[in-house]
Amino acid sequence: MNKYILILFILTVVTGLVGFTFEFTGSTAVRITFLVAADILVILLFGKLLFWTQKTKKARKLRRQTQVATN
């Protein structure tokens, strides 16, 4: 999922800059691409924030244990 987030972030930034800075024939299509990519990016980021996998739960638990042990 991380590689899709990075790709969508780059696509969103590039299409946003090109679509809203330059005025040309295909700027409407570029703006629509920007909106779709931004929507998918937000959904992926919310999904990553709200739904943790077992791997991330274990990593968070391990981090908490090491923080408690060092304090």
N, C-alpha and C. Protein backbone atom coordinates (compact mmCIF):
# COMPACT_ATOMS: atom_id res chain seq x y z
N MET A 1 0.83 -1.19 0.00
CA MET A 1 0.00 0.00 0.00
C MET A 1 0.87 1.25 0.00
N ASN A 2 2.06 1.18 0.61
CA ASN A 2 2.91 2.36 0.69
C ASN A 2 3.36 2.83 -0.69
N LYS A 3 3.65 1.89 -1.60
CA LYS A 3 4.09 2.32 -2.93
C LYS A 3 2.96 2.99 -3.69
N TYR A 4 1.71 2.56 -3.47
CA TYR A 4 0.59 3.23 -4.13
C TYR A 4 0.38 4.63 -3.58
N ILE A 5 0.61 4.80 -2.29
CA ILE A 5 0.46 6.13 -1.69
C ILE A 5 1.49 7.08 -2.27
N LEU A 6 2.72 6.62 -2.40
CA LEU A 6 3.77 7.47 -2.96
C LEU A 6 3.48 7.82 -4.42
N ILE A 7 3.07 6.83 -5.20
CA ILE A 7 2.76 7.08 -6.61
C ILE A 7 1.59 8.06 -6.74
N LEU A 8 0.54 7.86 -5.95
CA LEU A 8 -0.61 8.76 -6.01
C LEU A 8 -0.27 10.16 -5.52
N PHE A 9 0.62 10.26 -4.53
CA PHE A 9 1.04 11.58 -4.06
C PHE A 9 1.77 12.33 -5.16
N ILE A 10 2.70 11.65 -5.84
CA ILE A 10 3.44 12.29 -6.94
C ILE A 10 2.49 12.67 -8.07
N LEU A 11 1.57 11.77 -8.42
CA LEU A 11 0.60 12.05 -9.48
C LEU A 11 -0.29 13.23 -9.11
N THR A 12 -0.70 13.29 -7.85
CA THR A 12 -1.56 14.38 -7.40
C THR A 12 -0.84 15.72 -7.46
N VAL A 13 0.39 15.75 -7.01
CA VAL A 13 1.16 17.00 -7.03
C VAL A 13 1.41 17.47 -8.47
N VAL A 14 1.83 16.56 -9.32
CA VAL A 14 2.15 16.95 -10.71
C VAL A 14 0.90 17.40 -11.45
N THR A 15 -0.19 16.61 -11.36
CA THR A 15 -1.40 17.01 -12.08
C THR A 15 -2.02 18.27 -11.49
N GLY A 16 -1.88 18.46 -10.19
CA GLY A 16 -2.39 19.69 -9.58
C GLY A 16 -1.64 20.91 -10.06
N LEU A 17 -0.32 20.80 -10.11
CA LEU A 17 0.48 21.93 -10.59
C LEU A 17 0.23 22.22 -12.06
N VAL A 18 0.21 21.19 -12.88
CA VAL A 18 0.01 21.39 -14.32
C VAL A 18 -1.42 21.83 -14.62
N GLY A 19 -2.39 21.20 -13.99
CA GLY A 19 -3.79 21.48 -14.32
C GLY A 19 -4.27 22.85 -13.87
N PHE A 20 -3.74 23.32 -12.74
CA PHE A 20 -4.23 24.59 -12.21
C PHE A 20 -3.30 25.77 -12.46
N THR A 21 -2.13 25.51 -13.05
CA THR A 21 -1.23 26.62 -13.35
C THR A 21 -1.27 27.02 -14.82
N PHE A 22 -1.35 26.02 -15.69
CA PHE A 22 -1.35 26.29 -17.13
C PHE A 22 -2.76 26.15 -17.69
N GLU A 23 -3.06 26.95 -18.67
CA GLU A 23 -4.36 26.90 -19.33
C GLU A 23 -4.14 26.38 -20.75
N PHE A 24 -4.63 25.19 -21.02
CA PHE A 24 -4.50 24.60 -22.34
C PHE A 24 -5.72 23.72 -22.61
N THR A 25 -5.78 23.09 -23.76
CA THR A 25 -6.96 22.35 -24.18
C THR A 25 -7.30 21.20 -23.24
N GLY A 26 -6.31 20.46 -22.79
CA GLY A 26 -6.57 19.29 -21.95
C GLY A 26 -6.53 19.56 -20.46
N SER A 27 -6.59 20.82 -20.07
CA SER A 27 -6.47 21.13 -18.64
C SER A 27 -7.65 20.57 -17.83
N THR A 28 -8.82 20.45 -18.44
CA THR A 28 -9.97 19.88 -17.74
C THR A 28 -9.72 18.41 -17.40
N ALA A 29 -9.17 17.67 -18.33
CA ALA A 29 -8.87 16.25 -18.09
C ALA A 29 -7.80 16.11 -17.01
N VAL A 30 -6.83 17.00 -17.01
CA VAL A 30 -5.77 16.95 -16.00
C VAL A 30 -6.35 17.30 -14.63
N ARG A 31 -7.25 18.24 -14.57
CA ARG A 31 -7.89 18.60 -13.30
C ARG A 31 -8.75 17.46 -12.76
N ILE A 32 -9.46 16.78 -13.64
CA ILE A 32 -10.27 15.63 -13.20
C ILE A 32 -9.35 14.52 -12.69
N THR A 33 -8.24 14.29 -13.38
CA THR A 33 -7.26 13.30 -12.91
C THR A 33 -6.73 13.68 -11.54
N PHE A 34 -6.50 14.96 -11.34
CA PHE A 34 -6.04 15.44 -10.03
C PHE A 34 -7.07 15.14 -8.95
N LEU A 35 -8.33 15.43 -9.22
CA LEU A 35 -9.38 15.20 -8.22
C LEU A 35 -9.54 13.72 -7.88
N VAL A 36 -9.50 12.87 -8.90
CA VAL A 36 -9.64 11.43 -8.68
C VAL A 36 -8.45 10.90 -7.88
N ALA A 37 -7.23 11.31 -8.27
CA ALA A 37 -6.03 10.85 -7.57
C ALA A 37 -6.01 11.35 -6.13
N ALA A 38 -6.44 12.58 -5.90
CA ALA A 38 -6.48 13.12 -4.54
C ALA A 38 -7.50 12.38 -3.68
N ASP A 39 -8.64 12.04 -4.25
CA ASP A 39 -9.66 11.29 -3.51
C ASP A 39 -9.15 9.91 -3.12
N ILE A 40 -8.54 9.21 -4.07
CA ILE A 40 -8.01 7.88 -3.77
C ILE A 40 -6.89 7.96 -2.75
N LEU A 41 -6.06 8.99 -2.84
CA LEU A 41 -4.97 9.17 -1.87
C LEU A 41 -5.51 9.38 -0.47
N VAL A 42 -6.52 10.19 -0.33
CA VAL A 42 -7.13 10.44 0.99
C VAL A 42 -7.75 9.16 1.54
N ILE A 43 -8.42 8.39 0.69
CA ILE A 43 -9.02 7.14 1.14
C ILE A 43 -7.95 6.16 1.61
N LEU A 44 -6.84 6.04 0.87
CA LEU A 44 -5.77 5.15 1.27
C LEU A 44 -5.12 5.60 2.59
N LEU A 45 -4.95 6.91 2.75
CA LEU A 45 -4.35 7.40 4.00
C LEU A 45 -5.27 7.17 5.19
N PHE A 46 -6.57 7.39 5.01
CA PHE A 46 -7.51 7.10 6.10
C PHE A 46 -7.56 5.61 6.42
N GLY A 47 -7.50 4.78 5.39
CA GLY A 47 -7.49 3.34 5.60
C GLY A 47 -6.26 2.90 6.36
N LYS A 48 -5.14 3.49 6.04
CA LYS A 48 -3.90 3.15 6.75
C LYS A 48 -3.96 3.62 8.20
N LEU A 49 -4.59 4.74 8.42
CA LEU A 49 -4.70 5.28 9.77
C LEU A 49 -5.69 4.49 10.62
N LEU A 50 -6.82 4.10 10.04
CA LEU A 50 -7.88 3.47 10.81
C LEU A 50 -7.73 1.96 10.97
N PHE A 51 -7.22 1.29 9.97
CA PHE A 51 -7.16 -0.18 10.00
C PHE A 51 -5.71 -0.63 10.08
N TRP A 52 -5.30 -1.04 11.26
CA TRP A 52 -3.93 -1.51 11.46
C TRP A 52 -3.86 -2.99 11.19
N THR A 53 -2.75 -3.43 10.67
CA THR A 53 -2.52 -4.86 10.47
C THR A 53 -1.89 -5.45 11.72
N GLN A 54 -1.79 -6.75 11.77
CA GLN A 54 -1.17 -7.40 12.92
C GLN A 54 0.30 -6.98 13.06
N LYS A 55 0.95 -6.79 11.94
CA LYS A 55 2.37 -6.39 11.96
C LYS A 55 2.54 -5.02 12.63
N THR A 56 1.68 -4.07 12.30
CA THR A 56 1.80 -2.74 12.90
C THR A 56 1.38 -2.76 14.36
N LYS A 57 0.41 -3.62 14.72
CA LYS A 57 0.03 -3.72 16.13
C LYS A 57 1.19 -4.25 16.96
N LYS A 58 1.90 -5.25 16.44
CA LYS A 58 3.06 -5.80 17.15
C LYS A 58 4.17 -4.76 17.26
N ALA A 59 4.38 -4.00 16.22
CA ALA A 59 5.42 -2.97 16.25
C ALA A 59 5.08 -1.88 17.26
N ARG A 60 3.82 -1.48 17.34
CA ARG A 60 3.41 -0.47 18.32
C ARG A 60 3.56 -1.00 19.74
N LYS A 61 3.19 -2.26 19.96
CA LYS A 61 3.30 -2.86 21.27
C LYS A 61 4.77 -2.95 21.69
N LEU A 62 5.63 -3.34 20.77
CA LEU A 62 7.05 -3.44 21.05
C LEU A 62 7.64 -2.06 21.37
N ARG A 63 7.23 -1.04 20.62
CA ARG A 63 7.70 0.32 20.88
C ARG A 63 7.29 0.81 22.27
N ARG A 64 6.05 0.52 22.64
CA ARG A 64 5.56 0.93 23.97
C ARG A 64 6.34 0.23 25.07
N GLN A 65 6.64 -1.05 24.88
CA GLN A 65 7.38 -1.80 25.87
C GLN A 65 8.79 -1.27 26.02
N THR A 66 9.42 -0.89 24.93
CA THR A 66 10.78 -0.35 25.02
C THR A 66 10.78 1.03 25.63
N GLN A 67 9.74 1.81 25.39
CA GLN A 67 9.65 3.14 26.00
C GLN A 67 9.46 3.04 27.51
N VAL A 68 8.65 2.11 27.94
CA VAL A 68 8.40 1.90 29.37
C VAL A 68 9.67 1.40 30.03
N ALA A 69 10.39 0.52 29.36
CA ALA A 69 11.61 -0.06 29.93
C ALA A 69 12.71 0.99 30.08
N THR A 70 12.78 1.95 29.14
CA THR A 70 13.83 2.97 29.21
C THR A 70 13.49 4.06 30.22
N ASN A 71 12.22 4.26 30.50
CA ASN A 71 11.83 5.31 31.47
C ASN A 71 11.93 4.74 32.82
